[in-house]
Each structure stands twice: as C-alpha cells, then as structure tokens.
Amino acid sequence: MMPRHLAVIMDGNGRWAKARGLSRSEGHKAGTEAAKAIVTKCRKLGIKHLTLYTFSKENWARPKDEIATLFDLLKVFLKKELSSLREQDIRLKILKGLSEFPFGVRQVIAHTIKKTENCNSMTLNLALNYSGRDEIVRACKKMISAGISEDEITEERISGYLYTAGQPDPDLIIRTSGEQRLSNYLLYQAAYSELYFTDVYWPDFSPEELDKAIADYAGRQRRFGKTGDQI
C-alpha cells in the first residue's frame, strides 16, 4: 500500500550538525540534499503528492543569519532543481504566506511555479511561513468573505478553502529526529493520517529510511474512526 500523499516534518538539521562539530548552516545544507533525494525517491515510487515542512511561522524567531541561510538555500535549491522537476514532471506548489519573504525569494518561487504548472505526475508542496492554525483561520475568513452561510459550511467546503484544496489529505506524516508531535503542521488535514516517528536526523533520512517508513505504513490497518478504532 503506497500513500497517495506523504507529508514530512524535516527535523534535526541543527542537532545533526552539532553532533559533527559543524555549523547549523552546514546542517541545513545537508538537509537540502536529503530533501532532493526524497523528492526523487517519491517520484520513482509513484507517490502523487509530497508535502515538506520547509519554514514555519515560528521559524522567524531564529537568528537572522540562520534565516538568511535558509532563504539562500531555498533559492539555490529551486534554481538548481528546476530542470530536474520539469524532467520528472513534478509540479511545485506553495502552502503559503509569502508576503513576508524577501523579494528575491518570492521571485524564484513564482518562476518555478510558473515553469512547472503543467507537470502532472507529482505535486511537491513546500510549506513556507506555514501555520496550521493560521491556515484554518484564513479559510474561515475567506468563507465569510465569500458569503457562505452557516448551513453551507461542511468539512468538504472547509477543505476547499485550505492551501491543499484539490489534493487528498496526507495518508502518512513522517517526523524525523525523535520528536513526536505535529508542531502546528497540517492540523485539519491530519485528522486520520498515520504518523511515523524516527530518531534519524533529517540529513540522514535516506531513501532507504523512507522505504522503512512506507513498509511500516503498509502494515497498518486504517479505519478512519470506524468500528474497531477504539478500545
């Protein structure tokens, strides 16, 4: 059983670097390489949707030089991988709040989205300046602005106003580095997602580690809250 939609909380770059006597920037750089390998692996496996938690709203509290490094790595990644995304028929989408990002970053993102908009084999979602609670609040405000009445509000209608509108909810959410929480990630969409936690730091999360996670997922019985889901 292969997930249609895989979401990943890429955690542990800093601790990976510290354990090796390296700077946090080196950890983030290694994490970018891991992300590249996982994107390619997911495409080969036939996973249709991949969402990577790239930069949360809470990340703004990090040191300014670290944030600048993250932005630089994002720009380099998108510029370098654009041709690869197109060759692999992967479309880029952003789960977004990009107005606070530097102009140069927004420009590269917009260019990559435009150049991959006709790709259909896989969708790569990057959650940038993302907050699950903020996404739900935003969806509610948009429904109010659209004049949707109380009687018209359904779970499906709310889903249609989320950043992931038109995509299935994540079947599997992976978090690396030993932490076991969602950290404000895809809160509405994760209602029935299977969760997989690993002690492996993100830079060491190889395609082989992904195989382990998917094998674990394939051995589970998903009930979606139906009979037998409770003791």
C-alpha atoms as a PDB file:
ATOM      1  CA  MET A   1       0.000   0.000   0.000  1.00  0.00           C
ATOM      2  CA  MET A   2       1.575   3.243  -1.161  1.00  0.00           C
ATOM      3  CA  PRO A   3       0.450   6.591   0.298  1.00  0.00           C
ATOM      4  CA  ARG A   4      -1.112   8.952  -2.203  1.00  0.00           C
ATOM      5  CA  HIS A   5       0.022  11.901  -0.129  1.00  0.00           C
ATOM      6  CA  LEU A   6       3.134  11.871   2.054  1.00  0.00           C
ATOM      7  CA  ALA A   7       3.937  14.758   4.390  1.00  0.00           C
ATOM      8  CA  VAL A   8       7.248  15.207   6.173  1.00  0.00           C
ATOM      9  CA  ILE A   9       8.410  17.291   9.134  1.00  0.00           C
ATOM     10  CA  MET A  10      12.106  17.616   8.337  1.00  0.00           C
ATOM     11  CA  ASP A  11      13.601  17.940  11.812  1.00  0.00           C
ATOM     12  CA  GLY A  12      17.111  17.653  13.219  1.00  0.00           C
ATOM     13  CA  ASN A  13      19.376  19.632  10.893  1.00  0.00           C
ATOM     14  CA  GLY A  14      20.898  21.621  13.754  1.00  0.00           C
ATOM     15  CA  ARG A  15      21.448  18.628  16.016  1.00  0.00           C
ATOM     16  CA  TRP A  16      22.955  16.676  13.120  1.00  0.00           C
ATOM     17  CA  ALA A  17      25.452  19.489  12.583  1.00  0.00           C
ATOM     18  CA  LYS A  18      26.240  19.902  16.296  1.00  0.00           C
ATOM     19  CA  ALA A  19      26.991  16.182  16.632  1.00  0.00           C
ATOM     20  CA  ARG A  20      29.603  16.603  13.883  1.00  0.00           C
ATOM     21  CA  GLY A  21      31.112  19.855  15.098  1.00  0.00           C
ATOM     22  CA  LEU A  22      29.616  21.744  12.153  1.00  0.00           C
ATOM     23  CA  SER A  23      27.628  24.967  11.910  1.00  0.00           C
ATOM     24  CA  ARG A  24      23.837  24.943  11.762  1.00  0.00           C
ATOM     25  CA  SER A  25      24.165  26.269   8.222  1.00  0.00           C
ATOM     26  CA  GLU A  26      26.016  23.100   7.244  1.00  0.00           C
ATOM     27  CA  GLY A  27      23.192  21.108   8.783  1.00  0.00           C
ATOM     28  CA  HIS A  28      20.603  22.949   6.721  1.00  0.00           C
ATOM     29  CA  LYS A  29      22.689  22.444   3.590  1.00  0.00           C
ATOM     30  CA  ALA A  30      22.853  18.696   4.260  1.00  0.00           C
ATOM     31  CA  GLY A  31      19.108  18.750   4.887  1.00  0.00           C
ATOM     32  CA  THR A  32      18.554  20.271   1.456  1.00  0.00           C
ATOM     33  CA  GLU A  33      20.432  17.377  -0.144  1.00  0.00           C
ATOM     34  CA  ALA A  34      18.283  14.914   1.805  1.00  0.00           C
ATOM     35  CA  ALA A  35      15.150  16.674   0.552  1.00  0.00           C
ATOM     36  CA  LYS A  36      16.343  16.391  -3.038  1.00  0.00           C
ATOM     37  CA  ALA A  37      16.879  12.630  -2.653  1.00  0.00           C
ATOM     38  CA  ILE A  38      13.463  12.110  -1.045  1.00  0.00           C
ATOM     39  CA  VAL A  39      11.673  14.061  -3.784  1.00  0.00           C
ATOM     40  CA  THR A  40      13.285  11.865  -6.425  1.00  0.00           C
ATOM     41  CA  LYS A  41      12.510   8.699  -4.457  1.00  0.00           C
ATOM     42  CA  CYS A  42       8.850   9.644  -4.044  1.00  0.00           C
ATOM     43  CA  ARG A  43       8.560  10.297  -7.773  1.00  0.00           C
ATOM     44  CA  LYS A  44      10.011   6.835  -8.519  1.00  0.00           C
ATOM     45  CA  LEU A  45       7.608   5.221  -6.045  1.00  0.00           C
ATOM     46  CA  GLY A  46       4.630   6.856  -7.721  1.00  0.00           C
ATOM     47  CA  ILE A  47       3.610   8.992  -4.739  1.00  0.00           C
ATOM     48  CA  LYS A  48       1.387  11.686  -6.211  1.00  0.00           C
ATOM     49  CA  HIS A  49       1.680  14.345  -3.508  1.00  0.00           C
ATOM     50  CA  LEU A  50       4.635  15.199  -1.260  1.00  0.00           C
ATOM     51  CA  THR A  51       4.489  17.996   1.304  1.00  0.00           C
ATOM     52  CA  LEU A  52       7.653  19.184   3.052  1.00  0.00           C
ATOM     53  CA  TYR A  53       7.515  21.401   6.140  1.00  0.00           C
ATOM     54  CA  THR A  54      10.139  23.866   4.957  1.00  0.00           C
ATOM     55  CA  PHE A  55       9.690  27.022   7.055  1.00  0.00           C
ATOM     56  CA  SER A  56       7.125  27.575   9.798  1.00  0.00           C
ATOM     57  CA  LYS A  57       5.864  30.887  11.139  1.00  0.00           C
ATOM     58  CA  GLU A  58       7.682  30.055  14.365  1.00  0.00           C
ATOM     59  CA  ASN A  59      10.987  29.892  12.465  1.00  0.00           C
ATOM     60  CA  TRP A  60      11.086  33.693  12.333  1.00  0.00           C
ATOM     61  CA  ALA A  61      12.305  33.554  15.952  1.00  0.00           C
ATOM     62  CA  ARG A  62      15.600  32.008  14.811  1.00  0.00           C
ATOM     63  CA  PRO A  63      18.767  34.135  14.457  1.00  0.00           C
ATOM     64  CA  LYS A  64      18.695  36.426  11.428  1.00  0.00           C
ATOM     65  CA  ASP A  65      21.808  34.911   9.882  1.00  0.00           C
ATOM     66  CA  GLU A  66      20.288  31.430  10.097  1.00  0.00           C
ATOM     67  CA  ILE A  67      17.083  32.647   8.439  1.00  0.00           C
ATOM     68  CA  ALA A  68      19.143  34.269   5.679  1.00  0.00           C
ATOM     69  CA  THR A  69      20.935  30.962   5.135  1.00  0.00           C
ATOM     70  CA  LEU A  70      17.611  29.123   4.868  1.00  0.00           C
ATOM     71  CA  PHE A  71      16.384  31.599   2.263  1.00  0.00           C
ATOM     72  CA  ASP A  72      19.610  31.303   0.279  1.00  0.00           C
ATOM     73  CA  LEU A  73      19.406  27.509   0.326  1.00  0.00           C
ATOM     74  CA  LEU A  74      15.803  27.652  -0.838  1.00  0.00           C
ATOM     75  CA  LYS A  75      16.695  29.893  -3.778  1.00  0.00           C
ATOM     76  CA  VAL A  76      19.652  27.725  -4.746  1.00  0.00           C
ATOM     77  CA  PHE A  77      17.570  24.559  -4.451  1.00  0.00           C
ATOM     78  CA  LEU A  78      14.790  25.857  -6.691  1.00  0.00           C
ATOM     79  CA  LYS A  79      17.138  27.306  -9.297  1.00  0.00           C
ATOM     80  CA  LYS A  80      19.271  24.177  -9.381  1.00  0.00           C
ATOM     81  CA  GLU A  81      16.385  21.713  -9.388  1.00  0.00           C
ATOM     82  CA  LEU A  82      14.015  23.434 -11.810  1.00  0.00           C
ATOM     83  CA  SER A  83      15.165  21.396 -14.803  1.00  0.00           C
ATOM     84  CA  SER A  84      15.002  18.208 -12.728  1.00  0.00           C
ATOM     85  CA  LEU A  85      11.474  18.992 -11.583  1.00  0.00           C
ATOM     86  CA  ARG A  86      10.397  19.528 -15.168  1.00  0.00           C
ATOM     87  CA  GLU A  87      12.132  16.346 -16.365  1.00  0.00           C
ATOM     88  CA  GLN A  88      10.420  14.358 -13.627  1.00  0.00           C
ATOM     89  CA  ASP A  89       7.072  16.035 -14.386  1.00  0.00           C
ATOM     90  CA  ILE A  90       6.800  17.435 -10.851  1.00  0.00           C
ATOM     91  CA  ARG A  91       4.664  20.491 -10.192  1.00  0.00           C
ATOM     92  CA  LEU A  92       5.644  22.898  -7.401  1.00  0.00           C
ATOM     93  CA  LYS A  93       3.016  24.383  -5.115  1.00  0.00           C
ATOM     94  CA  ILE A  94       3.452  26.509  -2.015  1.00  0.00           C
ATOM     95  CA  LEU A  95       1.405  26.217   1.165  1.00  0.00           C
ATOM     96  CA  LYS A  96       1.974  29.797   1.733  1.00  0.00           C
ATOM     97  CA  GLY A  97       2.258  33.032   3.490  1.00  0.00           C
ATOM     98  CA  LEU A  98       4.974  34.539   1.319  1.00  0.00           C
ATOM     99  CA  SER A  99       4.370  38.271   1.732  1.00  0.00           C
ATOM    100  CA  GLU A 100       6.998  38.467   4.497  1.00  0.00           C
ATOM    101  CA  PHE A 101       9.680  36.749   2.405  1.00  0.00           C
ATOM    102  CA  PRO A 102      12.407  38.737   0.624  1.00  0.00           C
ATOM    103  CA  PHE A 103      11.554  39.801  -2.919  1.00  0.00           C
ATOM    104  CA  GLY A 104      14.299  37.653  -4.437  1.00  0.00           C
ATOM    105  CA  VAL A 105      12.935  34.513  -2.772  1.00  0.00           C
ATOM    106  CA  ARG A 106       9.388  35.267  -3.914  1.00  0.00           C
ATOM    107  CA  GLN A 107      10.648  35.872  -7.437  1.00  0.00           C
ATOM    108  CA  VAL A 108      12.400  32.493  -7.656  1.00  0.00           C
ATOM    109  CA  ILE A 109       9.376  30.707  -6.189  1.00  0.00           C
ATOM    110  CA  ALA A 110       6.998  32.363  -8.655  1.00  0.00           C
ATOM    111  CA  HIS A 111       9.271  31.466 -11.580  1.00  0.00           C
ATOM    112  CA  THR A 112       9.483  27.802 -10.511  1.00  0.00           C
ATOM    113  CA  ILE A 113       5.722  27.552 -10.029  1.00  0.00           C
ATOM    114  CA  LYS A 114       5.131  29.025 -13.480  1.00  0.00           C
ATOM    115  CA  LYS A 115       7.637  26.711 -15.189  1.00  0.00           C
ATOM    116  CA  THR A 116       6.184  23.572 -13.580  1.00  0.00           C
ATOM    117  CA  GLU A 117       2.480  24.408 -13.681  1.00  0.00           C
ATOM    118  CA  ASN A 118       1.775  21.896 -16.460  1.00  0.00           C
ATOM    119  CA  CYS A 119       3.573  18.992 -14.766  1.00  0.00           C
ATOM    120  CA  ASN A 120       1.138  16.301 -13.660  1.00  0.00           C
ATOM    121  CA  SER A 121       2.968  13.213 -12.386  1.00  0.00           C
ATOM    122  CA  MET A 122       3.595  14.527  -8.868  1.00  0.00           C
ATOM    123  CA  THR A 123       2.882  17.639  -6.809  1.00  0.00           C
ATOM    124  CA  LEU A 124       5.603  18.906  -4.491  1.00  0.00           C
ATOM    125  CA  ASN A 125       4.171  21.167  -1.792  1.00  0.00           C
ATOM    126  CA  LEU A 126       6.574  23.331   0.188  1.00  0.00           C
ATOM    127  CA  ALA A 127       5.046  24.639   3.417  1.00  0.00           C
ATOM    128  CA  LEU A 128       6.614  28.096   3.726  1.00  0.00           C
ATOM    129  CA  ASN A 129       5.890  30.579   6.503  1.00  0.00           C
ATOM    130  CA  TYR A 130       3.279  27.995   7.394  1.00  0.00           C
ATOM    131  CA  SER A 131       0.996  27.597  10.406  1.00  0.00           C
ATOM    132  CA  GLY A 132      -1.782  25.034  10.576  1.00  0.00           C
ATOM    133  CA  ARG A 133      -3.937  27.141  12.865  1.00  0.00           C
ATOM    134  CA  ASP A 134      -3.385  30.223  10.729  1.00  0.00           C
ATOM    135  CA  GLU A 135      -4.411  28.222   7.649  1.00  0.00           C
ATOM    136  CA  ILE A 136      -7.729  27.266   9.291  1.00  0.00           C
ATOM    137  CA  VAL A 137      -8.393  30.863  10.395  1.00  0.00           C
ATOM    138  CA  ARG A 138      -7.614  32.065   6.867  1.00  0.00           C
ATOM    139  CA  ALA A 139     -10.039  29.520   5.389  1.00  0.00           C
ATOM    140  CA  CYS A 140     -12.819  30.656   7.745  1.00  0.00           C
ATOM    141  CA  LYS A 141     -12.273  34.310   6.853  1.00  0.00           C
ATOM    142  CA  LYS A 142     -12.366  33.517   3.134  1.00  0.00           C
ATOM    143  CA  MET A 143     -15.645  31.624   3.518  1.00  0.00           C
ATOM    144  CA  ILE A 144     -17.143  34.580   5.354  1.00  0.00           C
ATOM    145  CA  SER A 145     -15.914  36.952   2.636  1.00  0.00           C
ATOM    146  CA  ALA A 146     -17.466  34.655   0.023  1.00  0.00           C
ATOM    147  CA  GLY A 147     -20.831  34.935   1.752  1.00  0.00           C
ATOM    148  CA  ILE A 148     -21.101  31.255   2.605  1.00  0.00           C
ATOM    149  CA  SER A 149     -23.949  30.701   5.035  1.00  0.00           C
ATOM    150  CA  GLU A 150     -23.789  28.626   8.206  1.00  0.00           C
ATOM    151  CA  ASP A 151     -25.864  25.858   6.613  1.00  0.00           C
ATOM    152  CA  GLU A 152     -23.439  25.612   3.702  1.00  0.00           C
ATOM    153  CA  ILE A 153     -20.373  25.035   5.862  1.00  0.00           C
ATOM    154  CA  THR A 154     -19.247  21.406   5.694  1.00  0.00           C
ATOM    155  CA  GLU A 155     -15.960  19.586   6.206  1.00  0.00           C
ATOM    156  CA  GLU A 156     -15.591  19.350   2.436  1.00  0.00           C
ATOM    157  CA  ARG A 157     -16.276  23.063   1.997  1.00  0.00           C
ATOM    158  CA  ILE A 158     -13.629  23.962   4.571  1.00  0.00           C
ATOM    159  CA  SER A 159     -11.145  21.643   2.826  1.00  0.00           C
ATOM    160  CA  GLY A 160     -11.776  23.558  -0.380  1.00  0.00           C
ATOM    161  CA  TYR A 161     -10.506  26.745   1.231  1.00  0.00           C
ATOM    162  CA  LEU A 162      -7.282  25.277   2.612  1.00  0.00           C
ATOM    163  CA  TYR A 163      -3.919  25.596   0.858  1.00  0.00           C
ATOM    164  CA  THR A 164      -4.177  21.912  -0.088  1.00  0.00           C
ATOM    165  CA  ALA A 165      -7.528  22.305  -1.848  1.00  0.00           C
ATOM    166  CA  GLY A 166      -7.922  19.698  -4.574  1.00  0.00           C
ATOM    167  CA  GLN A 167      -5.350  17.360  -3.035  1.00  0.00           C
ATOM    168  CA  PRO A 168      -6.031  14.344  -0.812  1.00  0.00           C
ATOM    169  CA  ASP A 169      -5.262  14.593   2.886  1.00  0.00           C
ATOM    170  CA  PRO A 170      -1.897  13.096   3.906  1.00  0.00           C
ATOM    171  CA  ASP A 171      -2.052   9.332   4.299  1.00  0.00           C
ATOM    172  CA  LEU A 172       1.271   9.312   6.142  1.00  0.00           C
ATOM    173  CA  ILE A 173       3.112  12.000   8.098  1.00  0.00           C
ATOM    174  CA  ILE A 174       6.774  11.368   8.929  1.00  0.00           C
ATOM    175  CA  ARG A 175       8.741  13.295  11.544  1.00  0.00           C
ATOM    176  CA  THR A 176      12.463  12.821  11.928  1.00  0.00           C
ATOM    177  CA  SER A 177      14.883  13.425  14.852  1.00  0.00           C
ATOM    178  CA  GLY A 178      12.919  11.675  17.609  1.00  0.00           C
ATOM    179  CA  GLU A 179      10.354  14.408  18.280  1.00  0.00           C
ATOM    180  CA  GLN A 180       6.772  13.141  18.461  1.00  0.00           C
ATOM    181  CA  ARG A 181       4.391  15.994  17.777  1.00  0.00           C
ATOM    182  CA  LEU A 182       2.808  17.740  14.781  1.00  0.00           C
ATOM    183  CA  SER A 183       4.077  21.244  15.612  1.00  0.00           C
ATOM    184  CA  ASN A 184       1.150  23.078  14.027  1.00  0.00           C
ATOM    185  CA  TYR A 185       1.503  21.140  10.759  1.00  0.00           C
ATOM    186  CA  LEU A 186      -1.492  20.323   8.537  1.00  0.00           C
ATOM    187  CA  LEU A 187      -3.766  20.190  11.567  1.00  0.00           C
ATOM    188  CA  TYR A 188      -7.051  19.939   9.660  1.00  0.00           C
ATOM    189  CA  GLN A 189      -5.696  17.594   7.010  1.00  0.00           C
ATOM    190  CA  ALA A 190      -4.018  15.264   9.537  1.00  0.00           C
ATOM    191  CA  ALA A 191      -7.267  14.099  11.167  1.00  0.00           C
ATOM    192  CA  TYR A 192      -6.808  10.484  10.025  1.00  0.00           C
ATOM    193  CA  SER A 193      -3.194  10.495   8.879  1.00  0.00           C
ATOM    194  CA  GLU A 194      -0.914   7.694  10.003  1.00  0.00           C
ATOM    195  CA  LEU A 195       2.065   9.024  11.964  1.00  0.00           C
ATOM    196  CA  TYR A 196       5.613   7.694  11.752  1.00  0.00           C
ATOM    197  CA  PHE A 197       8.362   8.925  14.059  1.00  0.00           C
ATOM    198  CA  THR A 198      12.043   8.095  13.698  1.00  0.00           C
ATOM    199  CA  ASP A 199      15.125   9.051  15.719  1.00  0.00           C
ATOM    200  CA  VAL A 200      17.074   9.620  12.493  1.00  0.00           C
ATOM    201  CA  TYR A 201      18.025  13.260  11.928  1.00  0.00           C
ATOM    202  CA  TRP A 202      16.726  14.689   8.676  1.00  0.00           C
ATOM    203  CA  PRO A 203      20.093  14.911   6.851  1.00  0.00           C
ATOM    204  CA  ASP A 204      20.481  11.152   7.432  1.00  0.00           C
ATOM    205  CA  PHE A 205      16.933  10.332   6.320  1.00  0.00           C
ATOM    206  CA  SER A 206      17.833   8.483   3.144  1.00  0.00           C
ATOM    207  CA  PRO A 207      15.589   6.848   0.523  1.00  0.00           C
ATOM    208  CA  GLU A 208      16.230   3.594   2.416  1.00  0.00           C
ATOM    209  CA  GLU A 209      14.817   5.166   5.579  1.00  0.00           C
ATOM    210  CA  LEU A 210      11.784   6.217   3.568  1.00  0.00           C
ATOM    211  CA  ASP A 211      11.352   2.601   2.452  1.00  0.00           C
ATOM    212  CA  LYS A 212      11.239   1.589   6.132  1.00  0.00           C
ATOM    213  CA  ALA A 213       8.571   4.165   6.892  1.00  0.00           C
ATOM    214  CA  ILE A 214       6.430   3.115   3.943  1.00  0.00           C
ATOM    215  CA  ALA A 215       6.810  -0.573   4.847  1.00  0.00           C
ATOM    216  CA  ASP A 216       5.601   0.252   8.359  1.00  0.00           C
ATOM    217  CA  TYR A 217       2.678   2.207   6.919  1.00  0.00           C
ATOM    218  CA  ALA A 218       1.767  -0.637   4.565  1.00  0.00           C
ATOM    219  CA  GLY A 219       1.437  -2.993   7.538  1.00  0.00           C
ATOM    220  CA  ARG A 220      -1.144  -0.835   9.294  1.00  0.00           C
ATOM    221  CA  GLN A 221      -4.922  -1.126   9.081  1.00  0.00           C
ATOM    222  CA  ARG A 222      -6.548   2.251   8.544  1.00  0.00           C
ATOM    223  CA  ARG A 223     -10.059   2.604   9.963  1.00  0.00           C
ATOM    224  CA  PHE A 224     -10.730   6.362   9.714  1.00  0.00           C
ATOM    225  CA  GLY A 225     -12.584   6.371  13.049  1.00  0.00           C
ATOM    226  CA  LYS A 226     -14.825   3.417  12.210  1.00  0.00           C
ATOM    227  CA  THR A 227     -15.633   0.444  14.473  1.00  0.00           C
ATOM    228  CA  GLY A 228     -12.542  -1.169  15.949  1.00  0.00           C
ATOM    229  CA  ASP A 229     -10.575   2.078  16.104  1.00  0.00           C
ATOM    230  CA  GLN A 230     -11.151   2.384  19.837  1.00  0.00           C
ATOM    231  CA  ILE A 231     -10.529   0.065  22.757  1.00  0.00           C
END
